[in-house]
Amino acid sequence: MSLQPFRTDHLLFHHSAVCALDERRLLISPAGRGLWRSAEGGGWEAFMEGIPAKVHVNRLEQGAERRIFACTNHGLFGLSHDRWSDMQLPLVCYAYREQGNIGFAATERGLWCHTPKGWKSIASTGNAVYDLLITPQFIYLALPWGIAMYDRLTCTWEQFPMKTAIVRLTAFDGALLGITEDGEVVLGDGRGGFNRLRMPGIFVFNAVRSGHSLHFCTDRGLYRAAKLRGQLSFVSVTLGCPVTDLELIDGQLHLATLSEGIQTIPWS
């Protein structure tokens, strides 16, 4: 199928991302400033071979066999032998996941899957999809109006309207957890509904799992998700500048911030 390129000036993910290139080096995407990697002698060097010069990176994702993918406003790019390869998805890409030999891309025009025969539109063609979560039985989509759930056993969809865009999906303590465009948390209540949670004075950008912990990246710093007396709670890890992403390497948490570059703290 041939797709017509489409671009948008609206950038939902206007923050920095960080990902491990290997056990020693980091890959970062400062907001709107391309891709950079940590240099052996210290500092950072541009890492743009094979990717458009003015690319905006929405997310950095890790696929099968630890291959890294950049989800951008120019489509999806995969890293191989120190060079970015165009994955031939001419749509704004917000997130990418792999399961087996099939890749799933969340795009401005719905959910697409990549098979040996190329890309195929499979869901929500009338909406942008900002994130997805795949489990053995379900596929969850983060949409401009809420969450959609596909039951892979019965081949049916269920919708959970929330009157706000969901921009991130993950799981916490066996429940589905989402982040809204307004910086709130939505958490499944175990009865087919969701509770919306706003931590006073805190805007949540992202929810990232590292090891056995789930972290919230916020405008006030980094927090760890915990359950106290049966309720979701935020436990402060580090306060200060806004944190938008993180990566754990060899006992160190590397935090991507909005204004102060990459910050590193010990983690055990």
Protein backbone atom coordinates (compact mmCIF):
# COMPACT_ATOMS: atom_id res chain seq x y z
CA MET A 1 0.00 0.00 0.00
CA SER A 2 1.27 3.46 -0.91
CA LEU A 3 0.97 6.19 1.73
CA GLN A 4 0.99 9.92 1.09
CA PRO A 5 3.37 11.83 3.37
CA PHE A 6 1.65 14.02 5.94
CA ARG A 7 3.22 16.45 8.39
CA THR A 8 1.84 18.41 11.30
CA ASP A 9 3.10 21.48 13.11
CA HIS A 10 1.57 20.24 16.36
CA LEU A 11 4.26 18.44 18.36
CA LEU A 12 2.67 16.66 21.31
CA PHE A 13 5.95 15.33 22.68
CA HIS A 14 8.09 18.44 23.03
CA HIS A 15 10.59 17.06 25.50
CA SER A 16 13.90 15.20 25.67
CA ALA A 17 14.39 11.42 25.57
CA VAL A 18 17.27 9.16 26.60
CA CYS A 19 18.13 5.55 25.74
CA ALA A 20 21.10 3.23 26.28
CA LEU A 21 23.18 2.54 23.18
CA ASP A 22 25.11 -0.11 25.08
CA GLU A 23 26.38 -0.71 28.61
CA ARG A 24 28.48 2.46 28.56
CA ARG A 25 27.02 4.92 26.07
CA LEU A 26 23.83 6.96 25.96
CA LEU A 27 21.69 8.18 23.08
CA ILE A 28 19.70 11.36 23.67
CA SER A 29 17.25 13.51 21.73
CA PRO A 30 17.09 17.05 23.14
CA ALA A 31 13.71 18.57 22.25
CA GLY A 32 13.78 19.60 18.59
CA ARG A 33 17.58 19.28 18.29
CA GLY A 34 18.10 15.91 16.63
CA LEU A 35 20.04 12.98 18.09
CA TRP A 36 23.28 12.88 20.05
CA ARG A 37 25.40 10.15 21.63
CA SER A 38 27.90 10.23 24.45
CA ALA A 39 31.49 10.43 23.19
CA GLU A 40 34.28 8.24 24.49
CA GLY A 41 36.30 11.24 25.63
CA GLY A 42 33.34 12.83 27.35
CA GLY A 43 30.72 15.22 26.06
CA TRP A 44 28.30 14.61 23.21
CA GLU A 45 28.54 14.15 19.45
CA ALA A 46 25.86 14.46 16.77
CA PHE A 47 24.45 11.10 15.68
CA MET A 48 22.37 11.88 12.60
CA GLU A 49 23.70 9.61 9.85
CA GLY A 50 20.73 8.49 7.74
CA ILE A 51 18.08 10.66 9.42
CA PRO A 52 16.67 14.07 8.30
CA ALA A 53 18.61 17.06 9.61
CA LYS A 54 15.65 18.87 11.20
CA VAL A 55 13.94 15.82 12.65
CA HIS A 56 11.88 16.07 15.83
CA VAL A 57 12.10 12.88 17.92
CA ASN A 58 8.93 12.01 19.82
CA ARG A 59 10.35 8.94 21.53
CA LEU A 60 13.30 6.58 21.55
CA GLU A 61 12.21 2.94 21.78
CA GLN A 62 14.01 -0.37 22.18
CA GLY A 63 12.79 -3.31 20.11
CA ALA A 64 13.76 -6.96 19.82
CA GLU A 65 17.42 -7.79 20.38
CA ARG A 66 17.86 -4.30 21.89
CA ARG A 67 17.66 -2.55 18.53
CA ILE A 68 16.86 1.14 18.96
CA PHE A 69 14.13 2.99 17.05
CA ALA A 70 13.46 6.71 16.77
CA CYS A 71 9.79 7.73 16.49
CA THR A 72 9.80 11.08 14.70
CA ASN A 73 7.76 13.64 12.79
CA HIS A 74 9.36 12.17 9.64
CA GLY A 75 8.36 8.59 10.39
CA LEU A 76 10.14 5.66 12.04
CA PHE A 77 13.89 5.04 11.90
CA GLY A 78 15.85 1.99 13.08
CA LEU A 79 19.48 2.03 14.20
CA SER A 80 21.88 -0.48 12.65
CA HIS A 81 25.69 -0.35 12.48
CA ASP A 82 25.82 3.27 13.66
CA ARG A 83 23.43 4.45 10.96
CA TRP A 84 19.72 5.24 10.96
CA SER A 85 17.56 3.40 8.42
CA ASP A 86 14.21 4.72 7.20
CA MET A 87 11.54 2.13 8.05
CA GLN A 88 9.35 3.48 5.21
CA LEU A 89 6.52 4.68 7.43
CA PRO A 90 5.73 8.16 6.03
CA LEU A 91 3.56 9.21 8.96
CA VAL A 92 4.29 11.04 12.19
CA CYS A 93 5.21 8.21 14.58
CA TYR A 94 4.63 8.50 18.32
CA ALA A 95 5.55 5.03 19.64
CA TYR A 96 6.77 1.64 18.44
CA ARG A 97 6.57 -1.87 19.90
CA GLU A 98 7.63 -5.29 18.67
CA GLN A 99 6.09 -8.68 19.39
CA GLY A 100 7.63 -11.66 17.70
CA ASN A 101 8.43 -10.67 14.13
CA ILE A 102 5.71 -8.01 13.96
CA GLY A 103 6.23 -4.33 14.69
CA PHE A 104 3.40 -2.03 15.82
CA ALA A 105 3.59 1.74 15.25
CA ALA A 106 1.38 4.35 16.90
CA THR A 107 0.94 7.12 14.35
CA GLU A 108 -1.02 10.27 13.55
CA ARG A 109 -3.34 8.06 11.47
CA GLY A 110 -3.98 5.14 13.76
CA LEU A 111 -2.19 1.89 14.57
CA TRP A 112 -0.06 0.24 11.90
CA CYS A 113 1.76 -3.09 11.88
CA HIS A 114 4.88 -4.03 9.95
CA THR A 115 5.03 -7.50 8.41
CA PRO A 116 7.32 -9.08 5.78
CA LYS A 117 4.89 -7.61 3.20
CA GLY A 118 5.20 -4.05 4.50
CA TRP A 119 3.07 -1.70 6.61
CA LYS A 120 -0.65 -2.26 7.12
CA SER A 121 -3.25 -0.08 8.86
CA ILE A 122 -5.04 -2.18 11.48
CA ALA A 123 -6.95 0.13 13.85
CA SER A 124 -8.20 3.62 14.68
CA THR A 125 -7.53 5.14 11.25
CA GLY A 126 -9.59 8.23 12.11
CA ASN A 127 -7.54 9.08 15.21
CA ALA A 128 -3.97 9.64 16.22
CA VAL A 129 -2.59 6.90 18.47
CA TYR A 130 -0.05 8.26 20.97
CA ASP A 131 1.02 5.03 22.67
CA LEU A 132 0.18 1.34 22.89
CA LEU A 133 0.54 -1.47 25.40
CA ILE A 134 0.53 -5.11 24.31
CA THR A 135 -0.28 -8.00 26.68
CA PRO A 136 -0.92 -11.68 25.86
CA GLN A 137 -4.69 -11.05 25.70
CA PHE A 138 -5.14 -7.32 25.04
CA ILE A 139 -3.86 -4.40 22.98
CA TYR A 140 -4.44 -0.98 24.58
CA LEU A 141 -4.32 2.26 22.59
CA ALA A 142 -3.77 5.80 23.93
CA LEU A 143 -6.06 8.10 21.94
CA PRO A 144 -7.03 11.80 21.79
CA TRP A 145 -10.26 11.05 23.70
CA GLY A 146 -9.25 8.21 26.04
CA ILE A 147 -8.28 4.53 25.82
CA ALA A 148 -9.38 1.72 23.52
CA MET A 149 -8.89 -1.96 24.35
CA TYR A 150 -8.76 -4.81 21.82
CA ASP A 151 -9.46 -8.32 23.12
CA ARG A 152 -7.24 -10.62 21.07
CA LEU A 153 -9.24 -13.72 22.03
CA THR A 154 -12.70 -12.45 21.08
CA CYS A 155 -11.53 -9.96 18.40
CA THR A 156 -13.66 -7.19 19.91
CA TRP A 157 -13.00 -3.58 20.94
CA GLU A 158 -14.03 -1.71 24.08
CA GLN A 159 -13.75 2.05 24.53
CA PHE A 160 -13.07 4.12 27.66
CA PRO A 161 -13.83 7.80 26.87
CA MET A 162 -12.14 10.29 29.22
CA LYS A 163 -12.57 13.67 27.49
CA THR A 164 -8.79 14.12 27.38
CA ALA A 165 -5.88 12.76 25.37
CA ILE A 166 -3.91 9.87 26.84
CA VAL A 167 -0.24 10.17 25.84
CA ARG A 168 1.39 7.27 27.70
CA LEU A 169 0.35 3.75 28.75
CA THR A 170 1.94 1.31 31.17
CA ALA A 171 0.88 -1.00 34.00
CA PHE A 172 1.11 -0.67 37.77
CA ASP A 173 0.30 -3.38 40.29
CA GLY A 174 -1.75 -5.32 37.73
CA ALA A 175 -3.78 -2.28 36.61
CA LEU A 176 -3.59 -0.21 33.44
CA LEU A 177 -2.07 3.23 34.01
CA GLY A 178 -2.11 6.18 31.65
CA ILE A 179 -0.76 9.74 31.54
CA THR A 180 -3.01 12.49 30.19
CA GLU A 181 -2.00 15.52 28.13
CA ASP A 182 -2.90 17.59 31.22
CA GLY A 183 -0.29 15.86 33.38
CA GLU A 184 -2.73 13.69 35.30
CA VAL A 185 -2.59 9.95 35.99
CA VAL A 186 -5.47 7.62 35.12
CA LEU A 187 -5.49 4.25 36.86
CA GLY A 188 -7.73 1.24 36.24
CA ASP A 189 -10.04 0.52 39.16
CA GLY A 190 -10.42 -3.22 38.51
CA ARG A 191 -14.12 -2.82 37.73
CA GLY A 192 -13.90 -1.69 34.11
CA GLY A 193 -13.40 1.99 34.91
CA PHE A 194 -10.61 4.47 35.64
CA ASN A 195 -9.80 6.92 38.40
CA ARG A 196 -8.17 10.24 37.47
CA LEU A 197 -5.47 11.36 39.89
CA ARG A 198 -3.85 14.77 40.13
CA MET A 199 -0.91 15.20 42.47
CA PRO A 200 -1.15 18.78 43.81
CA GLY A 201 1.33 21.08 42.07
CA ILE A 202 2.80 18.29 39.90
CA PHE A 203 2.54 17.87 36.13
CA VAL A 204 3.43 14.34 34.99
CA PHE A 205 5.19 14.11 31.60
CA ASN A 206 5.96 10.42 31.45
CA ALA A 207 5.80 7.08 33.26
CA VAL A 208 8.87 4.88 32.74
CA ARG A 209 9.60 1.40 34.04
CA SER A 210 13.20 0.72 35.08
CA GLY A 211 13.99 -2.63 36.60
CA HIS A 212 11.18 -3.49 39.03
CA SER A 213 10.21 0.15 39.61
CA LEU A 214 7.83 2.51 37.85
CA HIS A 215 8.91 6.14 37.82
CA PHE A 216 6.98 9.32 37.11
CA CYS A 217 8.87 12.04 35.24
CA THR A 218 7.39 15.39 36.27
CA ASP A 219 7.93 19.13 36.18
CA ARG A 220 9.08 18.97 39.82
CA GLY A 221 11.57 16.13 39.42
CA LEU A 222 11.51 12.32 39.54
CA TYR A 223 9.12 10.21 41.64
CA ARG A 224 8.72 6.48 42.19
CA ALA A 225 5.27 4.90 42.13
CA ALA A 226 4.31 3.09 45.33
CA LYS A 227 1.16 1.70 46.87
CA LEU A 228 0.41 2.91 50.38
CA ARG A 229 -2.75 1.75 52.17
CA GLY A 230 -4.07 0.48 48.87
CA GLN A 231 -3.62 3.84 47.09
CA LEU A 232 -1.17 4.95 44.40
CA SER A 233 1.42 7.28 45.93
CA PHE A 234 4.37 9.33 44.64
CA VAL A 235 7.68 8.84 46.47
CA SER A 236 10.25 11.51 45.73
CA VAL A 237 13.53 10.32 44.19
CA THR A 238 15.04 13.66 43.22
CA LEU A 239 13.55 17.15 43.20
CA GLY A 240 14.49 20.09 41.03
CA CYS A 241 14.33 20.60 37.27
CA PRO A 242 11.65 19.01 35.05
CA VAL A 243 12.46 15.37 34.14
CA THR A 244 10.94 13.89 30.95
CA ASP A 245 12.63 10.49 30.51
CA LEU A 246 15.12 8.16 32.15
CA GLU A 247 17.40 5.20 31.50
CA LEU A 248 19.01 2.79 33.98
CA ILE A 249 22.55 1.61 33.21
CA ASP A 250 24.84 -0.24 35.60
CA GLY A 251 23.35 1.14 38.80
CA GLN A 252 22.99 4.70 37.49
CA LEU A 253 19.76 6.51 36.59
CA HIS A 254 20.30 8.92 33.70
CA LEU A 255 17.59 11.57 33.65
CA ALA A 256 16.65 13.59 30.57
CA THR A 257 15.60 17.07 31.66
CA LEU A 258 13.98 20.01 29.91
CA SER A 259 16.62 22.59 30.74
CA GLU A 260 19.66 21.01 32.38
CA GLY A 261 20.71 18.25 29.99
CA ILE A 262 21.33 14.74 31.33
CA GLN A 263 21.50 14.32 35.09
CA THR A 264 22.85 11.13 36.68
CA ILE A 265 22.07 9.70 40.11
CA PRO A 266 22.98 6.33 41.71
CA TRP A 267 20.24 3.72 41.84
CA SER A 268 20.09 0.28 43.45
